[in-house]
Amino acid sequence: MIEALKSDEIVDKVGGKFKLCVLIQRRVVQLMEGARPLVERNGRSDLEIAIEEIRLNKIEAEWSDEPILSASSRHMRLPSDDRE
């Protein structure tokens, strides 16, 4: 298990377990699609990179009608799910 997930610190930072899961999942998808990691990879998986970015405040979610992932001062709009 990834050490950062063993404490409630990262859960509290994001605002809950569900929001943390959504943020991690969306960022992992971005990384898998070729987005540049905001931390050194050092042989880590996309999941580990996403968690480290959250832990270091490199990304955060802004919760509104559509989630927006912010990296540094830029905002990246996430693709919406087209499932009905």
PDB file of N, CA and C in Angstrom:
ATOM      1  N   MET A   1       0.838  -1.192   0.000  1.00  0.00           N
ATOM      2  CA  MET A   1       0.000   0.000   0.000  1.00  0.00           C
ATOM      3  C   MET A   1       0.878   1.249   0.000  1.00  0.00           C
ATOM      4  N   ILE A   2       0.419   2.281  -0.625  1.00  0.00           N
ATOM      5  CA  ILE A   2       1.150   3.532  -0.689  1.00  0.00           C
ATOM      6  C   ILE A   2       1.047   4.219   0.667  1.00  0.00           C
ATOM      7  N   GLU A   3       2.199   4.582   1.230  1.00  0.00           N
ATOM      8  CA  GLU A   3       2.282   5.108   2.599  1.00  0.00           C
ATOM      9  C   GLU A   3       1.384   6.314   2.844  1.00  0.00           C
ATOM     10  N   ALA A   4       1.282   7.224   1.881  1.00  0.00           N
ATOM     11  CA  ALA A   4       0.489   8.444   2.073  1.00  0.00           C
ATOM     12  C   ALA A   4      -0.986   8.142   2.319  1.00  0.00           C
ATOM     13  N   LEU A   5      -1.458   6.989   1.861  1.00  0.00           N
ATOM     14  CA  LEU A   5      -2.872   6.642   2.025  1.00  0.00           C
ATOM     15  C   LEU A   5      -3.172   6.027   3.387  1.00  0.00           C
ATOM     16  N   LYS A   6      -2.133   5.754   4.185  1.00  0.00           N
ATOM     17  CA  LYS A   6      -2.338   5.153   5.496  1.00  0.00           C
ATOM     18  C   LYS A   6      -2.792   6.160   6.547  1.00  0.00           C
ATOM     19  N   SER A   7      -2.588   7.433   6.295  1.00  0.00           N
ATOM     20  CA  SER A   7      -3.028   8.450   7.260  1.00  0.00           C
ATOM     21  C   SER A   7      -4.211   9.216   6.676  1.00  0.00           C
ATOM     22  N   ASP A   8      -4.918   9.913   7.546  1.00  0.00           N
ATOM     23  CA  ASP A   8      -6.071  10.699   7.105  1.00  0.00           C
ATOM     24  C   ASP A   8      -5.671  12.074   6.581  1.00  0.00           C
ATOM     25  N   GLU A   9      -4.393  12.410   6.638  1.00  0.00           N
ATOM     26  CA  GLU A   9      -3.943  13.738   6.227  1.00  0.00           C
ATOM     27  C   GLU A   9      -4.323  14.049   4.781  1.00  0.00           C
ATOM     28  N   ILE A  10      -4.050  13.124   3.867  1.00  0.00           N
ATOM     29  CA  ILE A  10      -4.345  13.369   2.452  1.00  0.00           C
ATOM     30  C   ILE A  10      -5.853  13.377   2.208  1.00  0.00           C
ATOM     31  N   VAL A  11      -6.604  12.557   2.947  1.00  0.00           N
ATOM     32  CA  VAL A  11      -8.071  12.530   2.829  1.00  0.00           C
ATOM     33  C   VAL A  11      -8.637  13.873   3.280  1.00  0.00           C
ATOM     34  N   ASP A  12      -8.160  14.371   4.403  1.00  0.00           N
ATOM     35  CA  ASP A  12      -8.630  15.657   4.926  1.00  0.00           C
ATOM     36  C   ASP A  12      -8.258  16.809   4.001  1.00  0.00           C
ATOM     37  N   LYS A  13      -7.092  16.725   3.373  1.00  0.00           N
ATOM     38  CA  LYS A  13      -6.622  17.777   2.468  1.00  0.00           C
ATOM     39  C   LYS A  13      -7.579  17.958   1.294  1.00  0.00           C
ATOM     40  N   VAL A  14      -8.105  16.862   0.782  1.00  0.00           N
ATOM     41  CA  VAL A  14      -8.965  16.893  -0.400  1.00  0.00           C
ATOM     42  C   VAL A  14     -10.432  17.106  -0.024  1.00  0.00           C
ATOM     43  N   GLY A  15     -10.817  16.662   1.156  1.00  0.00           N
ATOM     44  CA  GLY A  15     -12.194  16.863   1.590  1.00  0.00           C
ATOM     45  C   GLY A  15     -13.009  15.589   1.680  1.00  0.00           C
ATOM     46  N   GLY A  16     -12.344  14.449   1.717  1.00  0.00           N
ATOM     47  CA  GLY A  16     -13.064  13.186   1.887  1.00  0.00           C
ATOM     48  C   GLY A  16     -12.508  12.095   0.997  1.00  0.00           C
ATOM     49  N   LYS A  17     -12.853  10.864   1.349  1.00  0.00           N
ATOM     50  CA  LYS A  17     -12.341   9.706   0.614  1.00  0.00           C
ATOM     51  C   LYS A  17     -12.852   9.658  -0.811  1.00  0.00           C
ATOM     52  N   PHE A  18     -14.132   9.977  -1.003  1.00  0.00           N
ATOM     53  CA  PHE A  18     -14.688   9.945  -2.350  1.00  0.00           C
ATOM     54  C   PHE A  18     -13.992  10.963  -3.255  1.00  0.00           C
ATOM     55  N   LYS A  19     -13.850  12.189  -2.768  1.00  0.00           N
ATOM     56  CA  LYS A  19     -13.185  13.226  -3.565  1.00  0.00           C
ATOM     57  C   LYS A  19     -11.740  12.846  -3.865  1.00  0.00           C
ATOM     58  N   LEU A  20     -11.067  12.232  -2.893  1.00  0.00           N
ATOM     59  CA  LEU A  20      -9.691  11.787  -3.118  1.00  0.00           C
ATOM     60  C   LEU A  20      -9.643  10.737  -4.216  1.00  0.00           C
ATOM     61  N   CYS A  21     -10.547   9.769  -4.171  1.00  0.00           N
ATOM     62  CA  CYS A  21     -10.584   8.720  -5.194  1.00  0.00           C
ATOM     63  C   CYS A  21     -10.829   9.304  -6.582  1.00  0.00           C
ATOM     64  N   VAL A  22     -11.768  10.250  -6.666  1.00  0.00           N
ATOM     65  CA  VAL A  22     -12.074  10.872  -7.955  1.00  0.00           C
ATOM     66  C   VAL A  22     -10.869  11.646  -8.473  1.00  0.00           C
ATOM     67  N   LEU A  23     -10.241  12.409  -7.615  1.00  0.00           N
ATOM     68  CA  LEU A  23      -9.080  13.204  -8.021  1.00  0.00           C
ATOM     69  C   LEU A  23      -7.937  12.310  -8.485  1.00  0.00           C
ATOM     70  N   ILE A  24      -7.651  11.260  -7.734  1.00  0.00           N
ATOM     71  CA  ILE A  24      -6.586  10.329  -8.121  1.00  0.00           C
ATOM     72  C   ILE A  24      -6.907   9.686  -9.467  1.00  0.00           C
ATOM     73  N   GLN A  25      -8.141   9.199  -9.602  1.00  0.00           N
ATOM     74  CA  GLN A  25      -8.524   8.514 -10.833  1.00  0.00           C
ATOM     75  C   GLN A  25      -8.411   9.427 -12.048  1.00  0.00           C
ATOM     76  N   ARG A  26      -8.892  10.656 -11.918  1.00  0.00           N
ATOM     77  CA  ARG A  26      -8.831  11.584 -13.049  1.00  0.00           C
ATOM     78  C   ARG A  26      -7.388  11.935 -13.410  1.00  0.00           C
ATOM     79  N   ARG A  27      -6.545  12.111 -12.405  1.00  0.00           N
ATOM     80  CA  ARG A  27      -5.152  12.451 -12.685  1.00  0.00           C
ATOM     81  C   ARG A  27      -4.412  11.273 -13.300  1.00  0.00           C
ATOM     82  N   VAL A  28      -4.685  10.060 -12.838  1.00  0.00           N
ATOM     83  CA  VAL A  28      -4.053   8.867 -13.416  1.00  0.00           C
ATOM     84  C   VAL A  28      -4.428   8.740 -14.886  1.00  0.00           C
ATOM     85  N   VAL A  29      -5.683   8.993 -15.214  1.00  0.00           N
ATOM     86  CA  VAL A  29      -6.115   8.953 -16.614  1.00  0.00           C
ATOM     87  C   VAL A  29      -5.331   9.971 -17.429  1.00  0.00           C
ATOM     88  N   GLN A  30      -5.180  11.181 -16.912  1.00  0.00           N
ATOM     89  CA  GLN A  30      -4.407  12.205 -17.622  1.00  0.00           C
ATOM     90  C   GLN A  30      -2.966  11.747 -17.850  1.00  0.00           C
ATOM     91  N   LEU A  31      -2.364  11.174 -16.826  1.00  0.00           N
ATOM     92  CA  LEU A  31      -0.981  10.701 -16.958  1.00  0.00           C
ATOM     93  C   LEU A  31      -0.887   9.575 -17.976  1.00  0.00           C
ATOM     94  N   MET A  32      -1.854   8.677 -17.978  1.00  0.00           N
ATOM     95  CA  MET A  32      -1.852   7.571 -18.941  1.00  0.00           C
ATOM     96  C   MET A  32      -2.032   8.075 -20.369  1.00  0.00           C
ATOM     97  N   GLU A  33      -2.713   9.214 -20.509  1.00  0.00           N
ATOM     98  CA  GLU A  33      -2.937   9.799 -21.832  1.00  0.00           C
ATOM     99  C   GLU A  33      -1.788  10.709 -22.259  1.00  0.00           C
ATOM    100  N   GLY A  34      -0.733  10.782 -21.452  1.00  0.00           N
ATOM    101  CA  GLY A  34       0.451  11.514 -21.864  1.00  0.00           C
ATOM    102  C   GLY A  34       0.723  12.824 -21.149  1.00  0.00           C
ATOM    103  N   ALA A  35      -0.066  13.180 -20.148  1.00  0.00           N
ATOM    104  CA  ALA A  35       0.197  14.413 -19.403  1.00  0.00           C
ATOM    105  C   ALA A  35       1.556  14.313 -18.706  1.00  0.00           C
ATOM    106  N   ARG A  36       2.226  15.430 -18.593  1.00  0.00           N
ATOM    107  CA  ARG A  36       3.544  15.467 -17.963  1.00  0.00           C
ATOM    108  C   ARG A  36       3.398  15.449 -16.446  1.00  0.00           C
ATOM    109  N   PRO A  37       4.099  14.541 -15.776  1.00  0.00           N
ATOM    110  CA  PRO A  37       4.054  14.528 -14.306  1.00  0.00           C
ATOM    111  C   PRO A  37       4.620  15.820 -13.732  1.00  0.00           C
ATOM    112  N   LEU A  38       4.067  16.274 -12.611  1.00  0.00           N
ATOM    113  CA  LEU A  38       4.519  17.499 -11.963  1.00  0.00           C
ATOM    114  C   LEU A  38       5.558  17.231 -10.883  1.00  0.00           C
ATOM    115  N   VAL A  39       5.929  15.972 -10.715  1.00  0.00           N
ATOM    116  CA  VAL A  39       7.003  15.554  -9.802  1.00  0.00           C
ATOM    117  C   VAL A  39       7.892  14.578 -10.571  1.00  0.00           C
ATOM    118  N   GLU A  40       9.092  14.353 -10.057  1.00  0.00           N
ATOM    119  CA  GLU A  40      10.003  13.402 -10.693  1.00  0.00           C
ATOM    120  C   GLU A  40       9.415  11.998 -10.651  1.00  0.00           C
ATOM    121  N   ARG A  41       9.514  11.281 -11.758  1.00  0.00           N
ATOM    122  CA  ARG A  41       8.937   9.946 -11.836  1.00  0.00           C
ATOM    123  C   ARG A  41       9.727   8.943 -10.995  1.00  0.00           C
ATOM    124  N   ASN A  42      11.026   8.922 -11.109  1.00  0.00           N
ATOM    125  CA  ASN A  42      11.886   8.030 -10.319  1.00  0.00           C
ATOM    126  C   ASN A  42      11.373   6.597 -10.263  1.00  0.00           C
ATOM    127  N   GLY A  43      10.875   6.082 -11.384  1.00  0.00           N
ATOM    128  CA  GLY A  43      10.422   4.702 -11.456  1.00  0.00           C
ATOM    129  C   GLY A  43       9.067   4.433 -10.827  1.00  0.00           C
ATOM    130  N   ARG A  44       8.351   5.488 -10.429  1.00  0.00           N
ATOM    131  CA  ARG A  44       7.059   5.310  -9.775  1.00  0.00           C
ATOM    132  C   ARG A  44       5.938   5.151 -10.794  1.00  0.00           C
ATOM    133  N   SER A  45       4.876   4.473 -10.388  1.00  0.00           N
ATOM    134  CA  SER A  45       3.703   4.266 -11.237  1.00  0.00           C
ATOM    135  C   SER A  45       2.891   5.561 -11.338  1.00  0.00           C
ATOM    136  N   ASP A  46       1.949   5.586 -12.281  1.00  0.00           N
ATOM    137  CA  ASP A  46       1.067   6.749 -12.432  1.00  0.00           C
ATOM    138  C   ASP A  46       0.265   6.988 -11.155  1.00  0.00           C
ATOM    139  N   LEU A  47      -0.171   5.926 -10.510  1.00  0.00           N
ATOM    140  CA  LEU A  47      -0.907   6.051  -9.254  1.00  0.00           C
ATOM    141  C   LEU A  47      -0.051   6.719  -8.185  1.00  0.00           C
ATOM    142  N   GLU A  48       1.188   6.284  -8.053  1.00  0.00           N
ATOM    143  CA  GLU A  48       2.091   6.875  -7.065  1.00  0.00           C
ATOM    144  C   GLU A  48       2.379   8.339  -7.384  1.00  0.00           C
ATOM    145  N   ILE A  49       2.507   8.651  -8.670  1.00  0.00           N
ATOM    146  CA  ILE A  49       2.747  10.036  -9.096  1.00  0.00           C
ATOM    147  C   ILE A  49       1.548  10.909  -8.721  1.00  0.00           C
ATOM    148  N   ALA A  50       0.340  10.452  -9.014  1.00  0.00           N
ATOM    149  CA  ALA A  50      -0.861  11.229  -8.709  1.00  0.00           C
ATOM    150  C   ALA A  50      -0.968  11.503  -7.214  1.00  0.00           C
ATOM    151  N   ILE A  51      -0.713  10.512  -6.397  1.00  0.00           N
ATOM    152  CA  ILE A  51      -0.791  10.684  -4.948  1.00  0.00           C
ATOM    153  C   ILE A  51       0.274  11.655  -4.462  1.00  0.00           C
ATOM    154  N   GLU A  52       1.474  11.559  -5.005  1.00  0.00           N
ATOM    155  CA  GLU A  52       2.547  12.472  -4.609  1.00  0.00           C
ATOM    156  C   GLU A  52       2.221  13.911  -5.020  1.00  0.00           C
ATOM    157  N   GLU A  53       1.632  14.093  -6.199  1.00  0.00           N
ATOM    158  CA  GLU A  53       1.244  15.428  -6.644  1.00  0.00           C
ATOM    159  C   GLU A  53       0.202  16.033  -5.699  1.00  0.00           C
ATOM    160  N   ILE A  54      -0.739  15.230  -5.251  1.00  0.00           N
ATOM    161  CA  ILE A  54      -1.751  15.714  -4.304  1.00  0.00           C
ATOM    162  C   ILE A  54      -1.100  16.045  -2.967  1.00  0.00           C
ATOM    163  N   ARG A  55      -0.252  15.145  -2.490  1.00  0.00           N
ATOM    164  CA  ARG A  55       0.406  15.324  -1.197  1.00  0.00           C
ATOM    165  C   ARG A  55       1.237  16.598  -1.161  1.00  0.00           C
ATOM    166  N   LEU A  56       1.891  16.926  -2.294  1.00  0.00           N
ATOM    167  CA  LEU A  56       2.757  18.103  -2.377  1.00  0.00           C
ATOM    168  C   LEU A  56       2.020  19.356  -2.863  1.00  0.00           C
ATOM    169  N   ASN A  57       0.689  19.281  -2.914  1.00  0.00           N
ATOM    170  CA  ASN A  57      -0.132  20.422  -3.354  1.00  0.00           C
ATOM    171  C   ASN A  57       0.177  20.869  -4.773  1.00  0.00           C
ATOM    172  N   LYS A  58       0.611  19.957  -5.616  1.00  0.00           N
ATOM    173  CA  LYS A  58       0.858  20.281  -7.023  1.00  0.00           C
ATOM    174  C   LYS A  58      -0.451  20.321  -7.798  1.00  0.00           C
ATOM    175  N   ILE A  59      -1.432  19.532  -7.360  1.00  0.00           N
ATOM    176  CA  ILE A  59      -2.760  19.549  -7.971  1.00  0.00           C
ATOM    177  C   ILE A  59      -3.797  19.578  -6.859  1.00  0.00           C
ATOM    178  N   GLU A  60      -4.943  20.103  -7.195  1.00  0.00           N
ATOM    179  CA  GLU A  60      -6.072  20.088  -6.272  1.00  0.00           C
ATOM    180  C   GLU A  60      -7.337  20.164  -7.104  1.00  0.00           C
ATOM    181  N   ALA A  61      -8.416  19.736  -6.551  1.00  0.00           N
ATOM    182  CA  ALA A  61      -9.694  19.779  -7.261  1.00  0.00           C
ATOM    183  C   ALA A  61     -10.481  20.989  -6.818  1.00  0.00           C
ATOM    184  N   GLU A  62     -11.135  21.600  -7.763  1.00  0.00           N
ATOM    185  CA  GLU A  62     -12.090  22.652  -7.463  1.00  0.00           C
ATOM    186  C   GLU A  62     -13.448  22.065  -7.786  1.00  0.00           C
ATOM    187  N   TRP A  63     -14.257  21.844  -6.774  1.00  0.00           N
ATOM    188  CA  TRP A  63     -15.526  21.152  -6.956  1.00  0.00           C
ATOM    189  C   TRP A  63     -16.637  22.149  -7.257  1.00  0.00           C
ATOM    190  N   SER A  64     -17.202  22.007  -8.439  1.00  0.00           N
ATOM    191  CA  SER A  64     -18.354  22.787  -8.851  1.00  0.00           C
ATOM    192  C   SER A  64     -19.238  21.831  -9.655  1.00  0.00           C
ATOM    193  N   ASP A  65     -19.995  22.328 -10.611  1.00  0.00           N
ATOM    194  CA  ASP A  65     -20.804  21.438 -11.439  1.00  0.00           C
ATOM    195  C   ASP A  65     -19.930  20.456 -12.208  1.00  0.00           C
ATOM    196  N   GLU A  66     -18.798  20.944 -12.709  1.00  0.00           N
ATOM    197  CA  GLU A  66     -17.841  20.086 -13.399  1.00  0.00           C
ATOM    198  C   GLU A  66     -16.522  20.178 -12.657  1.00  0.00           C
ATOM    199  N   PRO A  67     -15.923  19.036 -12.293  1.00  0.00           N
ATOM    200  CA  PRO A  67     -14.646  19.098 -11.591  1.00  0.00           C
ATOM    201  C   PRO A  67     -13.559  19.689 -12.488  1.00  0.00           C
ATOM    202  N   ILE A  68     -12.740  20.515 -11.900  1.00  0.00           N
ATOM    203  CA  ILE A  68     -11.604  21.104 -12.602  1.00  0.00           C
ATOM    204  C   ILE A  68     -10.366  20.757 -11.808  1.00  0.00           C
ATOM    205  N   LEU A  69      -9.338  20.308 -12.501  1.00  0.00           N
ATOM    206  CA  LEU A  69      -8.086  19.959 -11.859  1.00  0.00           C
ATOM    207  C   LEU A  69      -7.142  21.120 -12.077  1.00  0.00           C
ATOM    208  N   SER A  70      -6.570  21.662 -11.009  1.00  0.00           N
ATOM    209  CA  SER A  70      -5.654  22.767 -11.205  1.00  0.00           C
ATOM    210  C   SER A  70      -4.236  22.315 -10.931  1.00  0.00           C
ATOM    211  N   ALA A  71      -3.357  22.713 -11.819  1.00  0.00           N
ATOM    212  CA  ALA A  71      -1.949  22.412 -11.691  1.00  0.00           C
ATOM    213  C   ALA A  71      -1.221  23.745 -11.733  1.00  0.00           C
ATOM    214  N   SER A  72      -0.476  24.040 -10.689  1.00  0.00           N
ATOM    215  CA  SER A  72       0.160  25.345 -10.549  1.00  0.00           C
ATOM    216  C   SER A  72      -0.919  26.420 -10.653  1.00  0.00           C
ATOM    217  N   SER A  73      -0.742  27.366 -11.566  1.00  0.00           N
ATOM    218  CA  SER A  73      -1.753  28.412 -11.702  1.00  0.00           C
ATOM    219  C   SER A  73      -2.660  28.146 -12.899  1.00  0.00           C
ATOM    220  N   ARG A  74      -2.430  27.055 -13.608  1.00  0.00           N
ATOM    221  CA  ARG A  74      -3.245  26.731 -14.778  1.00  0.00           C
ATOM    222  C   ARG A  74      -4.408  25.844 -14.356  1.00  0.00           C
ATOM    223  N   HIS A  75      -5.495  25.890 -15.124  1.00  0.00           N
ATOM    224  CA  HIS A  75      -6.627  25.012 -14.887  1.00  0.00           C
ATOM    225  C   HIS A  75      -6.770  24.097 -16.092  1.00  0.00           C
ATOM    226  N   MET A  76      -6.913  22.825 -15.846  1.00  0.00           N
ATOM    227  CA  MET A  76      -7.125  21.870 -16.911  1.00  0.00           C
ATOM    228  C   MET A  76      -8.528  21.312 -16.744  1.00  0.00           C
ATOM    229  N   ARG A  77      -9.400  21.553 -17.703  1.00  0.00           N
ATOM    230  CA  ARG A  77     -10.752  21.022 -17.616  1.00  0.00           C
ATOM    231  C   ARG A  77     -10.690  19.541 -17.928  1.00  0.00           C
ATOM    232  N   LEU A  78     -11.315  18.757 -17.080  1.00  0.00           N
ATOM    233  CA  LEU A  78     -11.310  17.315 -17.248  1.00  0.00           C
ATOM    234  C   LEU A  78     -12.377  16.896 -18.228  1.00  0.00           C
ATOM    235  N   PRO A  79     -12.109  15.831 -18.994  1.00  0.00           N
ATOM    236  CA  PRO A  79     -13.149  15.357 -19.908  1.00  0.00           C
ATOM    237  C   PRO A  79     -14.337  14.847 -19.109  1.00  0.00           C
ATOM    238  N   SER A  80     -15.535  15.186 -19.563  1.00  0.00           N
ATOM    239  CA  SER A  80     -16.716  14.721 -18.850  1.00  0.00           C
ATOM    240  C   SER A  80     -17.076  13.327 -19.337  1.00  0.00           C
ATOM    241  N   ASP A  81     -17.703  12.569 -18.470  1.00  0.00           N
ATOM    242  CA  ASP A  81     -18.161  11.245 -18.849  1.00  0.00           C
ATOM    243  C   ASP A  81     -19.415  11.392 -19.686  1.00  0.00           C
ATOM    244  N   ASP A  82     -19.434  10.769 -20.846  1.00  0.00           N
ATOM    245  CA  ASP A  82     -20.575  10.863 -21.742  1.00  0.00           C
ATOM    246  C   ASP A  82     -21.494   9.652 -21.605  1.00  0.00           C
ATOM    247  N   ARG A  83     -21.533   9.075 -20.431  1.00  0.00           N
ATOM    248  CA  ARG A  83     -22.391   7.907 -20.216  1.00  0.00           C
ATOM    249  C   ARG A  83     -23.783   8.379 -19.803  1.00  0.00           C
ATOM    250  N   GLU A  84     -24.789   7.756 -20.353  1.00  0.00           N
ATOM    251  CA  GLU A  84     -26.172   8.094 -19.979  1.00  0.00           C
ATOM    252  C   GLU A  84     -26.928   6.841 -19.695  1.00  0.00           C
TER     253      GLU A  84
END
